[in-house]
Amino acid sequence: MRHFAYVRARDAAEALREASRDPQADQVQYLAGGTNLVDLMKDEVEQPGTLVDINRLPLGEISELPGGGLRLGALATNANTAYDARVQARYPVLSSAILAGASPQLRNAATNGGNLNQRTRCYYFTDTASACNKRQPGSGCAAIGGVTRVHAVLGASAACIATHPSDMCVALCVLEAQVRVSGTGGERVIPFAEYHRLPGDEPQRDNTLMRGELITAIDLPAEGFTTHYTYLKLRDRQSYAFALVSVAAVMRLEAGVIAEARLALGGVAHKPWRVPEAEALLRGQVPSDEVFQAAAEAVMAGAVGQGGNDFKIELGQRAIVRACQQAAAGTPQSQSDKRIA
């Protein structure tokens, strides 16, 4: 049994104070739904010295923003977010992405802030007998040369080829959400594209949070792409499986021409993958398979397989084309809508 301190914070100020009290701030973890952290503690992948329970903080609301956007509280559950009438009506790609992830039981417990900060599901990361630079910097990457079916083909490095597992984050990326965080130095807002980071030579750092910072909310812009959108998730089984490749595609069509288009991929990189240059190839075009294929090739340009995941390169292109077809036609991929409250 590994001992750790447990603190139940009454407000954000107390949570931040407790998180900054330990000089080894990386030994302090915030506890919300715990659907990822507790599992990692059981596997001895995460060994925090202090857990700061933030479930009493008033961060569970979903509220209107001036100008038509929505603010998603960091402690709002994935289930409450996906089934919120405003999210379903104004940000259907986000609702679809959340419903494609995990299981109903987990979505009832998992929080929005926790979803952003979940760790990779790399086999070697969760196996403490294997070398893993993300778990133990400098130890090596056993995934390289190992079993790589679920691993990255884009944005990887010699230190890490893990992927980010979130479905929700792929949709937030394509919607250009913003992440609001609080720290001892005050509050700041992080554009979603800048929140997660590629592994480089510091794969242990999943995001750009500073030590002790706490996510308080996720802000959605007014534009939610309510007609031409889809979230396509390709996986080994239909439920409770992480994406091999996923695509969030949103468009705005005017007089049959693509006026705006955005694409984000999951399951292929250390963060949700978006290529603005590929999206530019779609704008001003009449929807067609040829146009979609050109964009797909641009998104996957530079992809490198590791043997066991080579198939993801072609699968990614095919998934992008299919997602663009669905978005342009206004026929989004259906997701399970079974709710367990």
Protein backbone atom coordinates (compact mmCIF):
# COMPACT_ATOMS: atom_id res chain seq x y z
CA MET A 1 0.00 0.00 0.00
CA ARG A 2 1.41 3.39 -1.02
CA HIS A 3 0.55 6.21 1.35
CA PHE A 4 -0.61 9.62 0.15
CA ALA A 5 -2.20 12.69 1.70
CA TYR A 6 -5.83 13.50 0.86
CA VAL A 7 -7.25 17.02 0.99
CA ARG A 8 -10.84 17.99 0.13
CA ALA A 9 -10.73 21.58 -1.12
CA ARG A 10 -13.68 23.86 -0.41
CA ASP A 11 -12.89 26.42 -3.11
CA ALA A 12 -10.42 27.09 -5.91
CA ALA A 13 -8.17 29.18 -3.69
CA GLU A 14 -7.76 26.33 -1.23
CA ALA A 15 -7.14 23.84 -4.04
CA LEU A 16 -4.40 26.03 -5.50
CA ARG A 17 -2.90 26.64 -2.08
CA GLU A 18 -2.73 22.92 -1.35
CA ALA A 19 -1.29 22.18 -4.80
CA SER A 20 1.48 24.73 -4.29
CA ARG A 21 2.26 23.75 -0.69
CA ASP A 22 4.41 20.77 -1.71
CA PRO A 23 7.80 21.89 -3.12
CA GLN A 24 7.56 18.87 -5.43
CA ALA A 25 4.42 20.11 -7.16
CA ASP A 26 4.47 17.25 -9.65
CA GLN A 27 3.64 14.97 -6.69
CA VAL A 28 0.28 16.73 -6.23
CA GLN A 29 -2.70 15.64 -8.33
CA TYR A 30 -6.20 17.05 -8.55
CA LEU A 31 -8.94 14.44 -8.12
CA ALA A 32 -12.29 14.89 -9.88
CA GLY A 33 -14.05 11.88 -11.46
CA GLY A 34 -10.91 9.78 -11.05
CA THR A 35 -11.77 7.52 -13.99
CA ASN A 36 -8.19 7.69 -15.31
CA LEU A 37 -6.12 8.74 -12.31
CA VAL A 38 -7.37 6.07 -9.90
CA ASP A 39 -6.69 3.31 -12.44
CA LEU A 40 -3.15 4.61 -12.94
CA MET A 41 -2.62 4.72 -9.18
CA LYS A 42 -3.72 1.10 -8.89
CA ASP A 43 -1.23 0.17 -11.60
CA GLU A 44 1.47 2.25 -9.83
CA VAL A 45 1.95 4.35 -12.95
CA GLU A 46 0.92 7.47 -11.02
CA GLN A 47 2.16 7.76 -7.43
CA PRO A 48 1.02 11.16 -6.14
CA GLY A 49 2.09 12.26 -2.70
CA THR A 50 -1.05 14.37 -2.29
CA LEU A 51 -4.52 14.16 -3.80
CA VAL A 52 -6.52 17.39 -3.78
CA ASP A 53 -10.21 16.53 -4.16
CA ILE A 54 -11.86 19.35 -6.12
CA ASN A 55 -15.38 17.92 -6.36
CA ARG A 56 -16.78 20.54 -3.95
CA LEU A 57 -15.68 23.41 -6.19
CA PRO A 58 -18.52 25.24 -8.00
CA LEU A 59 -17.27 24.30 -11.46
CA GLY A 60 -20.04 21.98 -12.63
CA GLU A 61 -22.28 24.41 -14.49
CA ILE A 62 -22.83 24.86 -18.21
CA SER A 63 -23.67 28.51 -18.83
CA GLU A 64 -24.23 31.03 -21.60
CA LEU A 65 -21.47 33.36 -22.74
CA PRO A 66 -21.97 36.85 -24.12
CA GLY A 67 -22.07 36.66 -27.90
CA GLY A 68 -23.70 33.24 -28.09
CA GLY A 69 -21.06 30.81 -26.86
CA LEU A 70 -21.22 28.31 -24.00
CA ARG A 71 -18.99 27.83 -20.97
CA LEU A 72 -18.53 24.20 -19.94
CA GLY A 73 -17.59 23.88 -16.28
CA ALA A 74 -14.52 21.75 -15.68
CA LEU A 75 -16.47 19.56 -13.24
CA ALA A 76 -19.49 19.07 -15.48
CA THR A 77 -19.58 15.39 -16.34
CA ASN A 78 -19.12 14.14 -19.87
CA ALA A 79 -22.66 12.72 -19.75
CA ASN A 80 -24.26 15.98 -18.60
CA THR A 81 -22.34 17.84 -21.29
CA ALA A 82 -23.24 15.47 -24.12
CA TYR A 83 -26.94 15.46 -23.18
CA ASP A 84 -27.25 19.18 -22.44
CA ALA A 85 -29.92 20.49 -24.81
CA ARG A 86 -27.81 23.52 -25.75
CA VAL A 87 -24.77 21.40 -26.56
CA GLN A 88 -26.83 18.98 -28.63
CA ALA A 89 -28.53 21.78 -30.57
CA ARG A 90 -25.60 24.17 -31.02
CA TYR A 91 -22.51 21.91 -30.90
CA PRO A 92 -23.68 18.53 -32.18
CA VAL A 93 -20.17 17.45 -33.20
CA LEU A 94 -19.11 17.76 -29.55
CA SER A 95 -22.08 15.78 -28.27
CA SER A 96 -21.40 13.09 -30.87
CA ALA A 97 -17.73 12.85 -29.97
CA ILE A 98 -18.44 12.48 -26.25
CA LEU A 99 -21.03 9.77 -26.89
CA ALA A 100 -18.50 7.87 -28.99
CA GLY A 101 -16.13 7.66 -26.04
CA ALA A 102 -15.85 5.29 -23.08
CA SER A 103 -19.02 3.72 -21.66
CA PRO A 104 -22.18 5.33 -20.25
CA GLN A 105 -21.05 4.50 -16.73
CA LEU A 106 -17.68 6.19 -17.21
CA ARG A 107 -19.24 9.23 -18.90
CA ASN A 108 -21.44 9.67 -15.83
CA ALA A 109 -18.34 10.02 -13.65
CA ALA A 110 -15.70 11.53 -15.95
CA THR A 111 -15.41 15.32 -15.96
CA ASN A 112 -14.64 17.76 -18.76
CA GLY A 113 -11.42 18.95 -17.16
CA GLY A 114 -10.29 15.40 -16.52
CA ASN A 115 -11.00 14.45 -20.12
CA LEU A 116 -8.50 17.04 -21.32
CA ASN A 117 -5.84 15.76 -18.92
CA GLN A 118 -6.22 12.00 -19.32
CA ARG A 119 -3.03 10.10 -20.01
CA THR A 120 -2.22 7.90 -22.99
CA ARG A 121 -3.44 4.30 -23.21
CA CYS A 122 -0.10 3.09 -24.58
CA TYR A 123 0.52 -0.52 -23.53
CA TYR A 124 4.05 0.31 -22.43
CA PHE A 125 3.08 3.38 -20.41
CA THR A 126 0.78 1.29 -18.22
CA ASP A 127 3.25 -1.60 -17.91
CA THR A 128 5.71 -0.55 -15.24
CA ALA A 129 8.09 -3.33 -16.29
CA SER A 130 8.60 -1.65 -19.68
CA ALA A 131 10.79 1.32 -20.53
CA CYS A 132 8.72 4.47 -21.03
CA ASN A 133 10.01 8.02 -21.34
CA LYS A 134 6.56 9.37 -20.53
CA ARG A 135 6.42 7.49 -17.23
CA GLN A 136 10.15 7.63 -16.43
CA PRO A 137 12.03 10.22 -18.52
CA GLY A 138 15.26 8.92 -19.97
CA SER A 139 14.37 5.24 -19.63
CA GLY A 140 13.64 4.73 -23.34
CA CYS A 141 10.56 3.88 -25.38
CA ALA A 142 9.72 0.19 -25.51
CA ALA A 143 6.90 0.91 -27.95
CA ILE A 144 9.41 1.70 -30.70
CA GLY A 145 10.10 -1.70 -32.20
CA GLY A 146 7.28 -3.23 -30.16
CA VAL A 147 3.55 -3.73 -30.65
CA THR A 148 2.44 -0.49 -32.27
CA ARG A 149 -1.13 -1.00 -33.54
CA VAL A 150 -2.54 1.90 -31.50
CA HIS A 151 0.44 4.22 -31.77
CA ALA A 152 1.08 7.55 -33.50
CA VAL A 153 1.89 8.06 -37.16
CA LEU A 154 2.03 11.87 -36.96
CA GLY A 155 3.97 14.21 -34.70
CA ALA A 156 5.87 11.43 -32.90
CA SER A 157 9.50 11.63 -31.81
CA ALA A 158 12.38 9.33 -31.03
CA ALA A 159 11.35 9.60 -27.38
CA CYS A 160 7.65 8.72 -27.65
CA ILE A 161 5.07 7.44 -30.17
CA ALA A 162 2.03 7.47 -27.86
CA THR A 163 -1.33 8.96 -28.81
CA HIS A 164 -3.82 11.09 -26.91
CA PRO A 165 -6.93 8.97 -26.26
CA SER A 166 -9.71 11.57 -26.02
CA ASP A 167 -12.70 11.81 -28.37
CA MET A 168 -14.02 14.98 -26.75
CA CYS A 169 -10.74 16.79 -27.35
CA VAL A 170 -10.88 16.13 -31.10
CA ALA A 171 -14.23 17.93 -31.29
CA LEU A 172 -13.04 20.77 -29.04
CA CYS A 173 -10.03 21.21 -31.33
CA VAL A 174 -12.16 21.53 -34.46
CA LEU A 175 -14.51 23.95 -32.66
CA GLU A 176 -11.54 26.11 -31.61
CA ALA A 177 -12.51 26.08 -27.94
CA GLN A 178 -10.53 27.87 -25.24
CA VAL A 179 -9.37 26.42 -21.93
CA ARG A 180 -9.63 28.62 -18.83
CA VAL A 181 -7.16 27.83 -16.04
CA SER A 182 -6.29 29.27 -12.64
CA GLY A 183 -2.95 29.20 -10.88
CA THR A 184 -1.10 30.96 -8.12
CA GLY A 185 -0.17 33.61 -10.68
CA GLY A 186 -3.79 34.28 -11.62
CA GLU A 187 -6.08 33.21 -14.45
CA ARG A 188 -5.25 32.70 -18.10
CA VAL A 189 -6.91 31.42 -21.27
CA ILE A 190 -5.25 28.83 -23.52
CA PRO A 191 -6.41 28.38 -27.13
CA PHE A 192 -7.25 24.71 -27.53
CA ALA A 193 -4.71 24.18 -30.29
CA GLU A 194 -2.00 25.23 -27.82
CA TYR A 195 -3.20 23.18 -24.85
CA HIS A 196 -1.78 19.75 -25.70
CA ARG A 197 1.80 19.33 -26.87
CA LEU A 198 3.76 16.97 -29.09
CA PRO A 199 6.24 14.69 -27.28
CA GLY A 200 9.55 16.08 -28.59
CA ASP A 201 12.19 15.25 -26.01
CA GLU A 202 9.80 15.85 -23.07
CA PRO A 203 7.04 13.27 -23.56
CA GLN A 204 6.23 13.32 -19.84
CA ARG A 205 4.58 16.71 -20.44
CA ASP A 206 1.18 16.13 -22.02
CA ASN A 207 0.02 19.75 -22.01
CA THR A 208 1.07 23.34 -21.46
CA LEU A 209 -0.31 23.70 -17.94
CA MET A 210 2.08 25.20 -15.42
CA ARG A 211 2.65 23.36 -12.18
CA GLY A 212 -0.38 23.50 -9.92
CA GLU A 213 -2.69 25.12 -12.48
CA LEU A 214 -6.32 24.04 -12.40
CA ILE A 215 -8.74 23.93 -15.32
CA THR A 216 -11.88 25.85 -14.40
CA ALA A 217 -13.84 25.88 -17.67
CA ILE A 218 -13.86 25.31 -21.41
CA ASP A 219 -15.33 28.08 -23.55
CA LEU A 220 -17.07 27.29 -26.83
CA PRO A 221 -17.39 29.98 -29.52
CA ALA A 222 -20.73 30.98 -31.00
CA GLU A 223 -20.13 29.06 -34.25
CA GLY A 224 -21.02 25.42 -33.66
CA PHE A 225 -21.59 24.11 -37.23
CA THR A 226 -25.04 22.68 -36.62
CA THR A 227 -25.80 21.32 -40.10
CA HIS A 228 -22.65 20.15 -41.84
CA TYR A 229 -20.65 18.12 -39.33
CA THR A 230 -19.70 14.60 -38.34
CA TYR A 231 -17.61 12.69 -35.83
CA LEU A 232 -16.34 9.47 -37.34
CA LYS A 233 -14.58 7.01 -35.03
CA LEU A 234 -12.92 3.87 -36.36
CA ARG A 235 -11.97 1.32 -33.72
CA ASP A 236 -11.46 -2.39 -33.13
CA ARG A 237 -14.92 -2.81 -31.61
CA GLN A 238 -18.03 -0.66 -31.66
CA SER A 239 -18.14 0.27 -27.98
CA TYR A 240 -15.70 0.97 -25.15
CA ALA A 241 -12.65 1.13 -27.39
CA PHE A 242 -10.21 3.91 -28.17
CA ALA A 243 -9.94 5.23 -31.72
CA LEU A 244 -7.52 3.80 -34.21
CA VAL A 245 -8.42 6.88 -36.25
CA SER A 246 -11.15 9.42 -35.59
CA VAL A 247 -12.15 12.51 -37.57
CA ALA A 248 -14.16 15.56 -36.54
CA ALA A 249 -15.23 17.41 -39.69
CA VAL A 250 -17.27 20.62 -39.79
CA MET A 251 -18.21 22.80 -42.74
CA ARG A 252 -20.25 25.81 -43.72
CA LEU A 253 -21.66 25.68 -47.24
CA GLU A 254 -22.90 28.70 -49.15
CA ALA A 255 -24.68 28.19 -52.48
CA GLY A 256 -23.22 24.70 -52.74
CA VAL A 257 -19.63 25.87 -52.15
CA ILE A 258 -17.52 25.16 -49.06
CA ALA A 259 -17.10 28.54 -47.38
CA GLU A 260 -15.45 27.17 -44.22
CA ALA A 261 -14.05 23.75 -43.34
CA ARG A 262 -12.16 22.32 -40.39
CA LEU A 263 -10.75 18.85 -39.79
CA ALA A 264 -9.24 17.34 -36.64
CA LEU A 265 -7.99 13.80 -36.14
CA GLY A 266 -7.69 11.59 -33.09
CA GLY A 267 -5.81 8.35 -32.56
CA VAL A 268 -2.90 9.38 -34.78
CA ALA A 269 -0.78 11.73 -32.66
CA HIS A 270 0.16 12.88 -29.16
CA LYS A 271 -2.54 15.56 -29.46
CA PRO A 272 -5.61 16.18 -31.65
CA TRP A 273 -4.15 16.69 -35.14
CA ARG A 274 -5.20 19.61 -37.30
CA VAL A 275 -3.59 20.93 -40.51
CA PRO A 276 -4.87 24.40 -41.54
CA GLU A 277 -3.18 24.11 -44.95
CA ALA A 278 -5.32 21.06 -45.72
CA GLU A 279 -8.47 22.90 -44.68
CA ALA A 280 -7.56 25.73 -47.04
CA LEU A 281 -7.71 23.24 -49.93
CA LEU A 282 -11.41 22.73 -49.20
CA ARG A 283 -12.48 26.35 -48.98
CA GLY A 284 -14.04 27.76 -52.13
CA GLN A 285 -14.52 24.29 -53.61
CA VAL A 286 -17.64 22.40 -54.62
CA PRO A 287 -17.74 19.24 -52.49
CA SER A 288 -16.34 16.23 -54.35
CA ASP A 289 -14.35 13.10 -53.61
CA GLU A 290 -11.39 14.52 -55.52
CA VAL A 291 -11.32 17.65 -53.36
CA PHE A 292 -11.71 15.59 -50.20
CA GLN A 293 -8.91 13.24 -51.24
CA ALA A 294 -6.53 16.15 -51.81
CA ALA A 295 -7.28 17.44 -48.32
CA ALA A 296 -6.85 13.95 -46.85
CA GLU A 297 -3.43 13.56 -48.43
CA ALA A 298 -2.39 16.97 -47.10
CA VAL A 299 -3.50 16.07 -43.56
CA MET A 300 -1.59 12.78 -43.60
CA ALA A 301 1.51 14.18 -45.32
CA GLY A 302 4.59 13.24 -43.37
CA ALA A 303 2.91 10.32 -41.58
CA VAL A 304 5.37 7.60 -40.59
CA GLY A 305 4.32 4.14 -39.46
CA GLN A 306 6.08 1.86 -37.00
CA GLY A 307 5.23 -1.38 -38.78
CA GLY A 308 2.23 -2.50 -36.78
CA ASN A 309 0.41 0.79 -37.36
CA ASP A 310 1.33 1.39 -41.01
CA PHE A 311 -2.32 0.77 -41.91
CA LYS A 312 -3.30 4.00 -40.11
CA ILE A 313 -1.83 6.10 -42.91
CA GLU A 314 -4.26 4.84 -45.55
CA LEU A 315 -7.03 4.42 -42.99
CA GLY A 316 -6.59 8.06 -42.00
CA GLN A 317 -6.99 9.23 -45.59
CA ARG A 318 -10.06 7.08 -46.13
CA ALA A 319 -11.58 8.26 -42.85
CA ILE A 320 -11.07 11.91 -43.79
CA VAL A 321 -12.75 11.44 -47.17
CA ARG A 322 -15.68 9.64 -45.58
CA ALA A 323 -16.03 12.27 -42.84
CA CYS A 324 -15.97 15.06 -45.42
CA GLN A 325 -18.66 13.27 -47.43
CA GLN A 326 -20.85 12.98 -44.35
CA ALA A 327 -20.31 16.58 -43.28
CA ALA A 328 -20.94 18.02 -46.73
CA ALA A 329 -24.12 15.98 -47.15
CA GLY A 330 -25.37 16.85 -43.67
CA THR A 331 -25.58 13.15 -42.76
CA PRO A 332 -23.44 12.80 -39.62
CA GLN A 333 -22.23 9.45 -38.33
CA SER A 334 -24.69 8.18 -35.74
CA GLN A 335 -23.48 7.52 -32.20
CA SER A 336 -24.95 5.40 -29.44
CA ASP A 337 -27.56 7.35 -27.48
CA LYS A 338 -28.10 4.90 -24.65
CA ARG A 339 -28.05 6.69 -21.34
CA ILE A 340 -27.52 5.22 -17.88
CA ALA A 341 -28.25 7.86 -15.26
